[in-house]
Amino acid sequence: MASKPSGLSDAQYWLLIALGVIALVLVCVNIATALSNKALRVDVTERRQYIDQSVQLGRFNKQLAQSLATLAVKTGDDALEALLNKHGVDITVRASADAAPAGDQLGGRQ
């Protein structure tokens, strides 16, 4: 055991030793917490990226389903309509009383 520095009482010496040990333990806890925090940040970042990609793919899937439904209605493809219905895409045809001719809808000339 190291010798006690002069000018300190036994109680002061052991109090300083205890405070040093506590400081060392707190440094170790701080390092462990920082490493754990880094791992959690990586996990949160991956989840955020997954959610962002899911939103983008959701928009794409909606557009794809709408395009396929439009194609199925225009061509009268019953098999495609059945496939879409099987996967939860309900096709409803809206009849417009004042529907413009196809050339006008597509921006073409008459």
Protein backbone atom coordinates (compact mmCIF):
# COMPACT_ATOMS: atom_id res chain seq x y z
CA MET A 1 0.00 0.00 0.00
CA ALA A 2 1.21 3.51 -0.85
CA SER A 3 2.21 5.74 1.98
CA LYS A 4 -0.12 8.49 3.00
CA PRO A 5 0.95 12.03 1.94
CA SER A 6 1.93 14.24 4.83
CA GLY A 7 -0.55 16.77 6.08
CA LEU A 8 -3.62 14.55 5.56
CA SER A 9 -5.50 12.76 8.23
CA ASP A 10 -6.50 9.13 7.73
CA ALA A 11 -10.11 10.15 7.02
CA GLN A 12 -9.04 12.72 4.40
CA TYR A 13 -6.72 10.22 2.73
CA TRP A 14 -9.43 7.55 2.42
CA LEU A 15 -11.99 10.11 1.33
CA LEU A 16 -9.69 11.19 -1.52
CA ILE A 17 -9.08 7.55 -2.48
CA ALA A 18 -12.84 6.88 -2.50
CA LEU A 19 -13.51 9.99 -4.61
CA GLY A 20 -10.83 8.90 -7.09
CA VAL A 21 -12.38 5.43 -7.38
CA ILE A 22 -15.83 6.92 -7.82
CA ALA A 23 -14.50 9.26 -10.54
CA LEU A 24 -12.89 6.31 -12.32
CA VAL A 25 -16.13 4.29 -12.14
CA LEU A 26 -18.11 7.26 -13.50
CA VAL A 27 -15.69 7.61 -16.42
CA CYS A 28 -16.21 3.91 -17.25
CA VAL A 29 -19.99 4.33 -17.02
CA ASN A 30 -19.79 7.39 -19.26
CA ILE A 31 -17.81 5.46 -21.89
CA ALA A 32 -20.28 2.55 -21.79
CA THR A 33 -23.23 4.93 -22.10
CA ALA A 34 -21.63 6.73 -25.05
CA LEU A 35 -21.05 3.44 -26.88
CA SER A 36 -24.61 2.32 -26.20
CA ASN A 37 -25.93 5.70 -27.38
CA LYS A 38 -23.96 5.37 -30.63
CA ALA A 39 -25.47 1.94 -31.28
CA LEU A 40 -28.98 3.31 -30.64
CA ARG A 41 -28.36 6.23 -33.00
CA VAL A 42 -27.33 3.82 -35.76
CA ASP A 43 -30.51 1.79 -35.16
CA VAL A 44 -32.71 4.90 -35.22
CA THR A 45 -31.03 6.11 -38.42
CA GLU A 46 -31.64 2.76 -40.11
CA ARG A 47 -35.30 2.80 -39.06
CA ARG A 48 -35.74 6.38 -40.29
CA GLN A 49 -34.23 5.40 -43.64
CA TYR A 50 -36.57 2.40 -43.87
CA ILE A 51 -39.59 4.59 -43.13
CA ASP A 52 -38.53 7.18 -45.71
CA GLN A 53 -38.03 4.50 -48.34
CA SER A 54 -41.38 2.93 -47.46
CA VAL A 55 -43.12 6.26 -48.04
CA GLN A 56 -41.42 6.64 -51.43
CA LEU A 57 -42.27 3.07 -52.41
CA GLY A 58 -45.84 3.56 -51.20
CA ARG A 59 -46.27 6.45 -53.64
CA PHE A 60 -44.76 4.37 -56.43
CA ASN A 61 -46.98 1.39 -55.60
CA LYS A 62 -50.07 3.61 -55.64
CA GLN A 63 -49.14 5.04 -59.05
CA LEU A 64 -48.38 1.57 -60.37
CA ALA A 65 -51.73 0.22 -59.16
CA GLN A 66 -53.57 3.19 -60.69
CA SER A 67 -51.78 2.69 -64.00
CA LEU A 68 -52.55 -1.01 -64.03
CA ALA A 69 -56.19 -0.37 -63.13
CA THR A 70 -56.49 2.20 -65.93
CA LEU A 71 -54.91 -0.25 -68.36
CA ALA A 72 -57.23 -3.05 -67.23
CA VAL A 73 -60.31 -0.86 -67.73
CA LYS A 74 -59.18 0.50 -71.11
CA THR A 75 -58.29 -2.92 -72.51
CA GLY A 76 -61.05 -4.85 -70.73
CA ASP A 77 -58.47 -7.24 -69.27
CA ASP A 78 -60.47 -9.32 -66.79
CA ALA A 79 -57.41 -11.28 -65.66
CA LEU A 80 -55.59 -8.06 -64.70
CA GLU A 81 -58.68 -6.77 -62.89
CA ALA A 82 -58.93 -10.07 -60.99
CA LEU A 83 -55.26 -9.86 -60.06
CA LEU A 84 -55.66 -6.31 -58.79
CA ASN A 85 -58.80 -7.25 -56.84
CA LYS A 86 -56.95 -10.22 -55.34
CA HIS A 87 -54.34 -7.82 -53.95
CA GLY A 88 -56.86 -5.37 -52.54
CA VAL A 89 -57.10 -2.87 -55.39
CA ASP A 90 -60.75 -2.11 -56.07
CA ILE A 91 -61.45 -0.79 -59.54
CA THR A 92 -64.29 1.68 -59.91
CA VAL A 93 -65.06 3.28 -63.23
CA ARG A 94 -66.34 6.84 -63.01
CA ALA A 95 -68.46 7.90 -65.92
CA SER A 96 -68.27 11.60 -66.65
CA ALA A 97 -71.29 13.21 -68.36
CA ASP A 98 -69.18 15.93 -69.97
CA ALA A 99 -66.15 13.78 -70.78
CA ALA A 100 -63.87 15.42 -73.31
CA PRO A 101 -62.76 13.46 -76.36
CA ALA A 102 -59.63 11.37 -75.86
CA GLY A 103 -57.54 13.73 -77.98
CA ASP A 104 -58.40 16.65 -75.70
CA GLN A 105 -57.63 14.68 -72.55
CA LEU A 106 -54.19 13.77 -73.80
CA GLY A 107 -53.46 17.25 -75.01
CA GLY A 108 -53.56 16.24 -78.68
CA ARG A 109 -55.10 18.04 -81.62
CA GLN A 110 -58.44 17.27 -83.22
